[in-house]
């Protein structure tokens, strides 16, 4: 599944969460008289004009999502998924060893360190997500040079996911 497919797949669930979190009183009113899970699904679906799949994702929500900060995060993520994304930005990651690397994006270099390869990749991915992909609304495709067990390429997309490609063994 490519990035655009994942984005399209995630959009209906985020839209449903956004609608329900905007009116939690109506959600609780729809659920309080439900007899069972099936009835709860039907009531949420009907109250918010959702599909069965969207209603099921709403029922999977945790109540900690009802506070303002969590609602704002869902709304922000929905805005990113709905937005038009620009073309992918190419980047390179040169691994000096399993604990240090240099990331080059648009001619700028940034050094990273980590306690191991996975921690290093996590730091680079977090940086690309927070400081490049989301603010610029552009996926970042990173070509990796380094140890054989490192990915050869990975992609970070504005909706918050990353996918890693490894060489065939």
N, C-alpha and C. Protein backbone atom coordinates (compact mmCIF):
# COMPACT_ATOMS: atom_id res chain seq x y z
N UNK A 1 0.85 -1.17 0.00
CA UNK A 1 0.00 0.00 0.00
C UNK A 1 0.90 1.24 0.00
N UNK A 2 0.66 2.16 -0.93
CA UNK A 2 1.51 3.35 -0.99
C UNK A 2 1.00 4.43 -0.06
N UNK A 3 1.74 5.51 0.01
CA UNK A 3 1.44 6.61 0.93
C UNK A 3 0.06 7.19 0.69
N UNK A 4 -0.29 7.41 -0.56
CA UNK A 4 -1.58 8.00 -0.89
C UNK A 4 -2.72 7.06 -0.50
N UNK A 5 -2.54 5.75 -0.67
CA UNK A 5 -3.56 4.79 -0.26
C UNK A 5 -3.78 4.82 1.25
N UNK A 6 -2.66 4.87 2.02
CA UNK A 6 -2.78 4.92 3.48
C UNK A 6 -3.47 6.22 3.90
N UNK A 7 -3.16 7.28 3.21
CA UNK A 7 -3.76 8.58 3.52
C UNK A 7 -5.27 8.53 3.29
N UNK A 8 -5.68 8.01 2.13
CA UNK A 8 -7.11 7.91 1.82
C UNK A 8 -7.82 6.97 2.81
N UNK A 9 -7.13 5.91 3.23
CA UNK A 9 -7.72 4.95 4.16
C UNK A 9 -7.94 5.57 5.54
N UNK A 10 -7.04 6.43 5.96
CA UNK A 10 -7.08 7.03 7.28
C UNK A 10 -8.07 8.21 7.38
N UNK A 11 -8.32 8.89 6.27
CA UNK A 11 -9.16 10.09 6.26
C UNK A 11 -10.57 9.87 6.82
N UNK A 12 -11.32 8.84 6.42
CA UNK A 12 -12.68 8.68 6.95
C UNK A 12 -12.71 8.49 8.48
N UNK A 13 -11.73 7.75 9.02
CA UNK A 13 -11.72 7.54 10.47
C UNK A 13 -11.41 8.85 11.20
N UNK A 14 -10.46 9.62 10.68
CA UNK A 14 -10.14 10.91 11.31
C UNK A 14 -11.32 11.87 11.23
N UNK A 15 -11.99 11.89 10.09
CA UNK A 15 -13.16 12.77 9.94
C UNK A 15 -14.26 12.39 10.93
N UNK A 16 -14.46 11.09 11.11
CA UNK A 16 -15.46 10.62 12.07
C UNK A 16 -15.08 11.01 13.49
N UNK A 17 -13.80 10.81 13.85
CA UNK A 17 -13.35 11.20 15.19
C UNK A 17 -13.51 12.70 15.41
N UNK A 18 -13.17 13.48 14.41
CA UNK A 18 -13.28 14.93 14.51
C UNK A 18 -14.74 15.34 14.74
N UNK A 19 -15.65 14.75 14.00
CA UNK A 19 -17.08 15.08 14.15
C UNK A 19 -17.60 14.72 15.53
N UNK A 20 -17.23 13.54 16.00
CA UNK A 20 -17.72 13.06 17.30
C UNK A 20 -17.09 13.85 18.45
N UNK A 21 -15.79 14.14 18.34
CA UNK A 21 -15.12 14.88 19.41
C UNK A 21 -15.58 16.33 19.48
N UNK A 22 -16.15 16.83 18.39
CA UNK A 22 -16.69 18.19 18.40
C UNK A 22 -18.02 18.25 19.16
N UNK A 23 -18.66 17.09 19.36
CA UNK A 23 -19.95 17.06 20.06
C UNK A 23 -20.02 15.84 20.98
N UNK A 24 -19.18 15.81 22.03
CA UNK A 24 -19.14 14.64 22.91
C UNK A 24 -20.45 14.40 23.67
N UNK A 25 -21.22 15.44 23.90
CA UNK A 25 -22.49 15.28 24.60
C UNK A 25 -23.44 14.43 23.76
N UNK A 26 -23.48 14.70 22.46
CA UNK A 26 -24.34 13.92 21.57
C UNK A 26 -23.84 12.47 21.51
N UNK A 27 -22.53 12.27 21.54
CA UNK A 27 -21.97 10.92 21.54
C UNK A 27 -22.43 10.14 22.76
N UNK A 28 -22.27 10.74 23.93
CA UNK A 28 -22.66 10.07 25.17
C UNK A 28 -24.17 9.80 25.17
N UNK A 29 -24.96 10.78 24.70
CA UNK A 29 -26.42 10.58 24.65
C UNK A 29 -26.77 9.41 23.73
N UNK A 30 -26.03 9.25 22.63
CA UNK A 30 -26.30 8.14 21.71
C UNK A 30 -25.94 6.81 22.33
N UNK A 31 -24.91 6.80 23.19
CA UNK A 31 -24.41 5.54 23.75
C UNK A 31 -25.09 5.11 25.04
N UNK A 32 -25.58 6.04 25.81
CA UNK A 32 -26.05 5.72 27.17
C UNK A 32 -27.22 4.73 27.18
N UNK A 33 -28.04 4.75 26.16
CA UNK A 33 -29.19 3.85 26.13
C UNK A 33 -28.97 2.61 25.26
N UNK A 34 -27.76 2.44 24.73
CA UNK A 34 -27.49 1.30 23.87
C UNK A 34 -27.54 0.00 24.67
N UNK A 35 -28.13 -1.02 24.08
CA UNK A 35 -28.26 -2.32 24.73
C UNK A 35 -26.97 -3.13 24.69
N UNK A 36 -26.23 -3.03 23.58
CA UNK A 36 -25.02 -3.83 23.40
C UNK A 36 -24.13 -3.14 22.37
N UNK A 37 -23.04 -3.80 21.99
CA UNK A 37 -22.11 -3.21 21.04
C UNK A 37 -22.76 -2.93 19.69
N UNK A 38 -23.55 -3.85 19.23
CA UNK A 38 -24.22 -3.69 17.93
C UNK A 38 -25.16 -2.49 17.94
N UNK A 39 -25.91 -2.34 19.02
CA UNK A 39 -26.83 -1.21 19.16
C UNK A 39 -26.04 0.10 19.29
N UNK A 40 -24.92 0.07 20.02
CA UNK A 40 -24.09 1.26 20.16
C UNK A 40 -23.54 1.69 18.80
N UNK A 41 -23.09 0.72 18.02
CA UNK A 41 -22.58 1.02 16.68
C UNK A 41 -23.67 1.67 15.83
N UNK A 42 -24.86 1.11 15.85
CA UNK A 42 -25.97 1.65 15.07
C UNK A 42 -26.33 3.06 15.51
N UNK A 43 -26.38 3.28 16.83
CA UNK A 43 -26.74 4.60 17.36
C UNK A 43 -25.71 5.67 16.99
N UNK A 44 -24.44 5.34 17.09
CA UNK A 44 -23.38 6.30 16.73
C UNK A 44 -23.42 6.55 15.22
N UNK A 45 -23.58 5.49 14.46
CA UNK A 45 -23.66 5.63 13.00
C UNK A 45 -24.80 6.57 12.61
N UNK A 46 -25.97 6.37 13.20
CA UNK A 46 -27.14 7.18 12.86
C UNK A 46 -27.02 8.61 13.39
N UNK A 47 -26.50 8.77 14.59
CA UNK A 47 -26.41 10.11 15.20
C UNK A 47 -25.46 11.02 14.45
N UNK A 48 -24.41 10.45 13.87
CA UNK A 48 -23.39 11.28 13.21
C UNK A 48 -23.30 11.03 11.70
N UNK A 49 -24.25 10.25 11.15
CA UNK A 49 -24.26 9.95 9.73
C UNK A 49 -22.93 9.36 9.26
N UNK A 50 -22.53 8.27 9.93
CA UNK A 50 -21.26 7.61 9.65
C UNK A 50 -21.49 6.25 9.01
N UNK A 51 -20.43 5.69 8.46
CA UNK A 51 -20.48 4.30 7.98
C UNK A 51 -20.28 3.39 9.20
N UNK A 52 -20.52 2.10 9.01
CA UNK A 52 -20.27 1.15 10.10
C UNK A 52 -18.80 1.17 10.52
N UNK A 53 -17.90 1.23 9.55
CA UNK A 53 -16.46 1.25 9.85
C UNK A 53 -16.08 2.51 10.65
N UNK A 54 -16.62 3.66 10.26
CA UNK A 54 -16.34 4.89 10.99
C UNK A 54 -16.90 4.82 12.41
N UNK A 55 -18.12 4.31 12.54
CA UNK A 55 -18.73 4.20 13.86
C UNK A 55 -17.92 3.26 14.75
N UNK A 56 -17.41 2.18 14.18
CA UNK A 56 -16.58 1.25 14.96
C UNK A 56 -15.30 1.95 15.42
N UNK A 57 -14.69 2.77 14.58
CA UNK A 57 -13.47 3.48 14.99
C UNK A 57 -13.79 4.48 16.10
N UNK A 58 -14.96 5.08 16.06
CA UNK A 58 -15.38 6.00 17.13
C UNK A 58 -15.55 5.23 18.43
N UNK A 59 -16.16 4.06 18.36
CA UNK A 59 -16.36 3.26 19.57
C UNK A 59 -15.03 2.77 20.15
N UNK A 60 -14.00 2.71 19.34
CA UNK A 60 -12.68 2.31 19.82
C UNK A 60 -11.92 3.46 20.50
N UNK A 61 -12.45 4.67 20.41
CA UNK A 61 -11.79 5.82 21.05
C UNK A 61 -11.72 5.62 22.56
N UNK A 62 -10.69 6.20 23.13
CA UNK A 62 -10.56 6.19 24.58
C UNK A 62 -11.00 7.55 25.11
N UNK A 63 -11.55 7.59 26.30
CA UNK A 63 -12.07 8.84 26.83
C UNK A 63 -11.00 9.90 27.04
N UNK A 64 -9.75 9.49 27.11
CA UNK A 64 -8.70 10.50 27.27
C UNK A 64 -8.63 11.40 26.04
N UNK A 65 -9.25 11.01 24.97
CA UNK A 65 -9.27 11.84 23.76
C UNK A 65 -10.28 12.99 23.87
N UNK A 66 -11.03 13.05 24.91
CA UNK A 66 -12.05 14.09 25.02
C UNK A 66 -11.50 15.44 25.50
N UNK A 67 -10.30 15.47 26.07
CA UNK A 67 -9.81 16.77 26.54
C UNK A 67 -9.37 17.64 25.36
N UNK A 68 -9.28 18.94 25.59
CA UNK A 68 -9.01 19.90 24.51
C UNK A 68 -7.75 19.59 23.71
N UNK A 69 -6.67 19.24 24.38
CA UNK A 69 -5.41 19.00 23.67
C UNK A 69 -5.55 17.81 22.72
N UNK A 70 -6.19 16.74 23.16
CA UNK A 70 -6.36 15.56 22.30
C UNK A 70 -7.28 15.89 21.12
N UNK A 71 -8.35 16.64 21.38
CA UNK A 71 -9.24 17.04 20.28
C UNK A 71 -8.49 17.90 19.28
N UNK A 72 -7.64 18.79 19.77
CA UNK A 72 -6.86 19.65 18.88
C UNK A 72 -5.89 18.83 18.04
N UNK A 73 -5.29 17.79 18.65
CA UNK A 73 -4.37 16.91 17.90
C UNK A 73 -5.10 16.19 16.77
N UNK A 74 -6.30 15.69 17.05
CA UNK A 74 -7.08 15.01 16.02
C UNK A 74 -7.43 15.99 14.90
N UNK A 75 -7.86 17.20 15.27
CA UNK A 75 -8.20 18.21 14.26
C UNK A 75 -6.98 18.59 13.43
N UNK A 76 -5.82 18.73 14.07
CA UNK A 76 -4.60 19.08 13.34
C UNK A 76 -4.20 17.95 12.39
N UNK A 77 -4.29 16.70 12.86
CA UNK A 77 -3.94 15.56 12.00
C UNK A 77 -4.90 15.48 10.82
N UNK A 78 -6.18 15.73 11.06
CA UNK A 78 -7.16 15.72 9.99
C UNK A 78 -6.83 16.80 8.96
N UNK A 79 -6.45 17.99 9.42
CA UNK A 79 -6.09 19.07 8.50
C UNK A 79 -4.90 18.68 7.63
N UNK A 80 -3.92 18.01 8.22
CA UNK A 80 -2.74 17.58 7.45
C UNK A 80 -3.14 16.52 6.42
N UNK A 81 -3.96 15.57 6.81
CA UNK A 81 -4.36 14.50 5.88
C UNK A 81 -5.21 15.06 4.75
N UNK A 82 -6.05 16.05 5.04
CA UNK A 82 -6.91 16.65 4.01
C UNK A 82 -6.15 17.60 3.08
N UNK A 83 -5.05 18.16 3.52
CA UNK A 83 -4.31 19.17 2.76
C UNK A 83 -3.67 18.57 1.51
N UNK A 84 -3.42 19.42 0.55
CA UNK A 84 -2.67 19.01 -0.63
C UNK A 84 -1.20 18.95 -0.24
N UNK A 85 -0.54 17.84 -0.50
CA UNK A 85 0.87 17.70 -0.20
C UNK A 85 1.69 18.03 -1.43
N UNK A 86 2.83 18.62 -1.20
CA UNK A 86 3.76 18.90 -2.28
C UNK A 86 4.51 17.63 -2.66
N UNK A 87 5.37 17.76 -3.67
CA UNK A 87 6.15 16.59 -4.09
C UNK A 87 7.14 16.18 -3.01
N UNK A 88 7.56 14.94 -3.08
CA UNK A 88 8.50 14.41 -2.09
C UNK A 88 9.83 15.15 -2.15
N UNK A 89 10.39 15.37 -0.96
CA UNK A 89 11.72 15.95 -0.84
C UNK A 89 12.73 14.82 -0.77
N UNK A 90 13.77 14.84 -1.58
CA UNK A 90 14.82 13.83 -1.45
C UNK A 90 15.76 14.20 -0.31
N UNK A 91 16.29 13.21 0.36
CA UNK A 91 17.25 13.42 1.45
C UNK A 91 18.20 12.23 1.46
N UNK A 92 19.36 12.43 2.10
CA UNK A 92 20.30 11.32 2.27
C UNK A 92 20.68 11.23 3.74
N UNK A 93 20.87 10.02 4.19
CA UNK A 93 21.34 9.76 5.54
C UNK A 93 22.59 8.91 5.42
N UNK A 94 23.71 9.47 5.87
CA UNK A 94 24.97 8.76 5.82
C UNK A 94 25.30 8.30 7.23
N UNK A 95 25.28 7.00 7.44
CA UNK A 95 25.57 6.43 8.75
C UNK A 95 27.08 6.27 8.89
N UNK A 96 27.66 6.98 9.86
CA UNK A 96 29.09 6.85 10.14
C UNK A 96 29.36 5.50 10.78
N UNK A 97 28.46 5.13 11.68
CA UNK A 97 28.47 3.84 12.34
C UNK A 97 27.04 3.62 12.84
N UNK A 98 26.83 2.67 13.74
CA UNK A 98 25.47 2.36 14.20
C UNK A 98 24.93 3.38 15.20
N UNK A 99 25.76 4.38 15.55
CA UNK A 99 25.34 5.35 16.56
C UNK A 99 25.40 6.80 16.10
N UNK A 100 25.85 7.06 14.91
CA UNK A 100 25.94 8.45 14.44
C UNK A 100 25.70 8.52 12.94
N UNK A 101 25.12 9.65 12.53
CA UNK A 101 24.79 9.82 11.12
C UNK A 101 24.68 11.30 10.80
N UNK A 102 24.73 11.59 9.49
CA UNK A 102 24.52 12.95 8.99
C UNK A 102 23.36 12.89 8.01
N UNK A 103 22.36 13.73 8.25
CA UNK A 103 21.19 13.84 7.38
C UNK A 103 21.36 15.08 6.52
N UNK A 104 21.16 14.92 5.22
CA UNK A 104 21.22 16.05 4.30
C UNK A 104 19.86 16.21 3.63
N UNK A 105 19.25 17.39 3.85
CA UNK A 105 17.97 17.73 3.23
C UNK A 105 18.12 19.12 2.63
N UNK A 106 17.84 19.26 1.36
CA UNK A 106 17.92 20.55 0.65
C UNK A 106 19.24 21.27 0.92
N UNK A 107 20.32 20.53 0.86
CA UNK A 107 21.65 21.12 1.00
C UNK A 107 22.11 21.38 2.42
N UNK A 108 21.24 21.21 3.40
CA UNK A 108 21.62 21.42 4.80
C UNK A 108 21.92 20.10 5.49
N UNK A 109 22.99 20.09 6.29
CA UNK A 109 23.38 18.89 7.03
C UNK A 109 23.01 19.02 8.50
N UNK A 110 22.63 17.89 9.08
CA UNK A 110 22.36 17.84 10.51
C UNK A 110 22.88 16.51 11.03
N UNK A 111 23.61 16.57 12.13
CA UNK A 111 24.19 15.37 12.74
C UNK A 111 23.24 14.81 13.80
N UNK A 112 23.23 13.48 13.88
CA UNK A 112 22.40 12.77 14.87
C UNK A 112 23.24 11.70 15.54
N UNK A 113 22.92 11.44 16.81
CA UNK A 113 23.52 10.33 17.53
C UNK A 113 22.41 9.56 18.24
N UNK A 114 22.69 8.30 18.53
CA UNK A 114 21.74 7.47 19.24
C UNK A 114 22.48 6.33 19.90
N UNK A 115 21.83 5.62 20.78
CA UNK A 115 22.46 4.51 21.51
C UNK A 115 22.62 3.26 20.66
N UNK A 116 22.01 3.26 19.52
CA UNK A 116 22.08 2.14 18.60
C UNK A 116 21.40 2.54 17.31
N UNK A 117 21.38 1.64 16.35
CA UNK A 117 20.81 1.95 15.05
C UNK A 117 19.34 2.34 15.13
N UNK A 118 18.54 1.59 15.88
CA UNK A 118 17.12 1.90 15.95
C UNK A 118 16.87 3.25 16.61
N UNK A 119 17.58 3.55 17.70
CA UNK A 119 17.43 4.85 18.36
C UNK A 119 17.84 5.98 17.43
N UNK A 120 18.88 5.75 16.67
CA UNK A 120 19.35 6.74 15.70
C UNK A 120 18.29 6.99 14.63
N UNK A 121 17.74 5.91 14.06
CA UNK A 121 16.70 6.04 13.05
C UNK A 121 15.45 6.72 13.62
N UNK A 122 15.11 6.42 14.86
CA UNK A 122 13.96 7.06 15.50
C UNK A 122 14.17 8.57 15.61
N UNK A 123 15.36 9.00 16.00
CA UNK A 123 15.65 10.43 16.13
C UNK A 123 15.56 11.13 14.77
N UNK A 124 16.13 10.51 13.76
CA UNK A 124 16.08 11.11 12.42
C UNK A 124 14.64 11.20 11.94
N UNK A 125 13.88 10.12 12.12
CA UNK A 125 12.48 10.09 11.69
C UNK A 125 11.67 11.16 12.42
N UNK A 126 11.84 11.27 13.74
CA UNK A 126 11.12 12.30 14.51
C UNK A 126 11.44 13.70 14.00
N UNK A 127 12.72 13.95 13.74
CA UNK A 127 13.12 15.26 13.20
C UNK A 127 12.46 15.52 11.85
N UNK A 128 12.52 14.54 10.96
CA UNK A 128 11.94 14.73 9.64
C UNK A 128 10.43 14.97 9.72
N UNK A 129 9.77 14.27 10.60
CA UNK A 129 8.34 14.45 10.77
C UNK A 129 8.03 15.84 11.32
N UNK A 130 8.64 16.18 12.46
CA UNK A 130 8.32 17.43 13.15
C UNK A 130 8.83 18.68 12.46
N UNK A 131 9.99 18.59 11.82
CA UNK A 131 10.64 19.80 11.30
C UNK A 131 10.65 19.92 9.78
N UNK A 132 10.26 18.86 9.09
CA UNK A 132 10.31 18.93 7.62
C UNK A 132 8.96 18.53 7.00
N UNK A 133 8.55 17.28 7.17
CA UNK A 133 7.37 16.76 6.46
C UNK A 133 6.09 17.50 6.83
N UNK A 134 5.80 17.65 8.12
CA UNK A 134 4.55 18.30 8.51
C UNK A 134 4.56 19.80 8.20
N UNK A 135 5.57 20.55 8.63
CA UNK A 135 5.53 21.99 8.34
C UNK A 135 5.49 22.33 6.85
N UNK A 136 6.13 21.50 6.04
CA UNK A 136 6.18 21.78 4.60
C UNK A 136 5.11 21.03 3.81
N UNK A 137 4.37 20.15 4.50
CA UNK A 137 3.37 19.30 3.85
C UNK A 137 3.95 18.58 2.63
N UNK A 138 5.10 17.97 2.86
CA UNK A 138 5.77 17.21 1.80
C UNK A 138 6.36 15.94 2.39
N UNK A 139 6.15 14.80 1.74
CA UNK A 139 6.84 13.59 2.17
C UNK A 139 8.34 13.77 1.99
N UNK A 140 9.12 13.01 2.75
CA UNK A 140 10.58 13.03 2.62
C UNK A 140 11.03 11.61 2.34
N UNK A 141 11.75 11.44 1.23
CA UNK A 141 12.28 10.12 0.85
C UNK A 141 13.77 10.15 1.10
N UNK A 142 14.21 9.30 2.03
CA UNK A 142 15.59 9.30 2.48
C UNK A 142 16.32 8.08 1.92
N UNK A 143 17.42 8.33 1.24
CA UNK A 143 18.30 7.26 0.78
C UNK A 143 19.39 7.10 1.83
N UNK A 144 19.62 5.86 2.26
CA UNK A 144 20.53 5.58 3.37
C UNK A 144 21.81 4.92 2.86
N UNK A 145 22.95 5.42 3.34
CA UNK A 145 24.24 4.78 3.08
C UNK A 145 24.80 4.34 4.42
N UNK A 146 25.06 3.06 4.57
CA UNK A 146 25.56 2.58 5.85
C UNK A 146 25.63 1.08 5.93
N UNK A 147 25.56 0.54 7.14
CA UNK A 147 25.69 -0.91 7.36
C UNK A 147 24.63 -1.70 6.59
N UNK A 148 24.93 -2.95 6.33
CA UNK A 148 24.03 -3.82 5.56
C UNK A 148 22.69 -4.04 6.25
N UNK A 149 22.65 -3.97 7.60
CA UNK A 149 21.39 -4.21 8.30
C UNK A 149 20.55 -2.94 8.45
N UNK A 150 21.03 -1.82 7.93
CA UNK A 150 20.27 -0.57 7.96
C UNK A 150 19.31 -0.55 6.77
N UNK A 151 18.25 0.24 6.87
CA UNK A 151 17.38 0.35 5.69
C UNK A 151 18.15 1.00 4.54
N UNK A 152 17.74 0.72 3.32
CA UNK A 152 18.37 1.37 2.17
C UNK A 152 17.63 2.65 1.82
N UNK A 153 16.38 2.72 2.27
CA UNK A 153 15.54 3.88 1.98
C UNK A 153 14.41 3.92 2.99
N UNK A 154 13.97 5.12 3.33
CA UNK A 154 12.74 5.23 4.09
C UNK A 154 12.02 6.50 3.74
N UNK A 155 10.72 6.50 3.98
CA UNK A 155 9.86 7.62 3.64
C UNK A 155 9.11 8.06 4.89
N UNK A 156 9.10 9.37 5.12
CA UNK A 156 8.36 9.97 6.22
C UNK A 156 7.30 10.86 5.60
N UNK A 157 6.04 10.67 5.98
CA UNK A 157 4.96 11.44 5.37
C UNK A 157 4.30 12.37 6.39
N UNK A 158 3.72 13.47 5.91
CA UNK A 158 3.14 14.46 6.83
C UNK A 158 2.06 13.91 7.76
N UNK A 159 1.38 12.85 7.37
CA UNK A 159 0.32 12.30 8.23
C UNK A 159 0.88 11.57 9.44
N UNK A 160 2.22 11.45 9.52
CA UNK A 160 2.83 10.91 10.73
C UNK A 160 3.40 9.52 10.64
N UNK A 161 3.37 8.93 9.47
CA UNK A 161 3.90 7.57 9.39
C UNK A 161 5.24 7.56 8.66
N UNK A 162 5.94 6.46 8.85
CA UNK A 162 7.21 6.25 8.16
C UNK A 162 7.26 4.80 7.71
N UNK A 163 7.85 4.57 6.56
CA UNK A 163 8.02 3.20 6.08
C UNK A 163 9.48 3.01 5.69
N UNK A 164 10.00 1.83 6.01
CA UNK A 164 11.41 1.53 5.81
C UNK A 164 11.56 0.40 4.80
N UNK A 165 12.53 0.55 3.90
CA UNK A 165 12.82 -0.49 2.91
C UNK A 165 14.23 -1.03 3.18
N UNK A 166 14.34 -2.34 3.19
CA UNK A 166 15.62 -2.99 3.44
C UNK A 166 16.05 -3.74 2.19
N UNK A 167 17.36 -3.93 2.02
CA UNK A 167 17.88 -4.69 0.89
C UNK A 167 17.46 -6.14 1.02
N UNK A 168 17.29 -6.79 -0.11
CA UNK A 168 16.96 -8.21 -0.12
C UNK A 168 18.14 -8.98 0.42
N UNK A 169 17.90 -9.97 1.27
CA UNK A 169 19.01 -10.75 1.85
C UNK A 169 19.49 -11.81 0.91
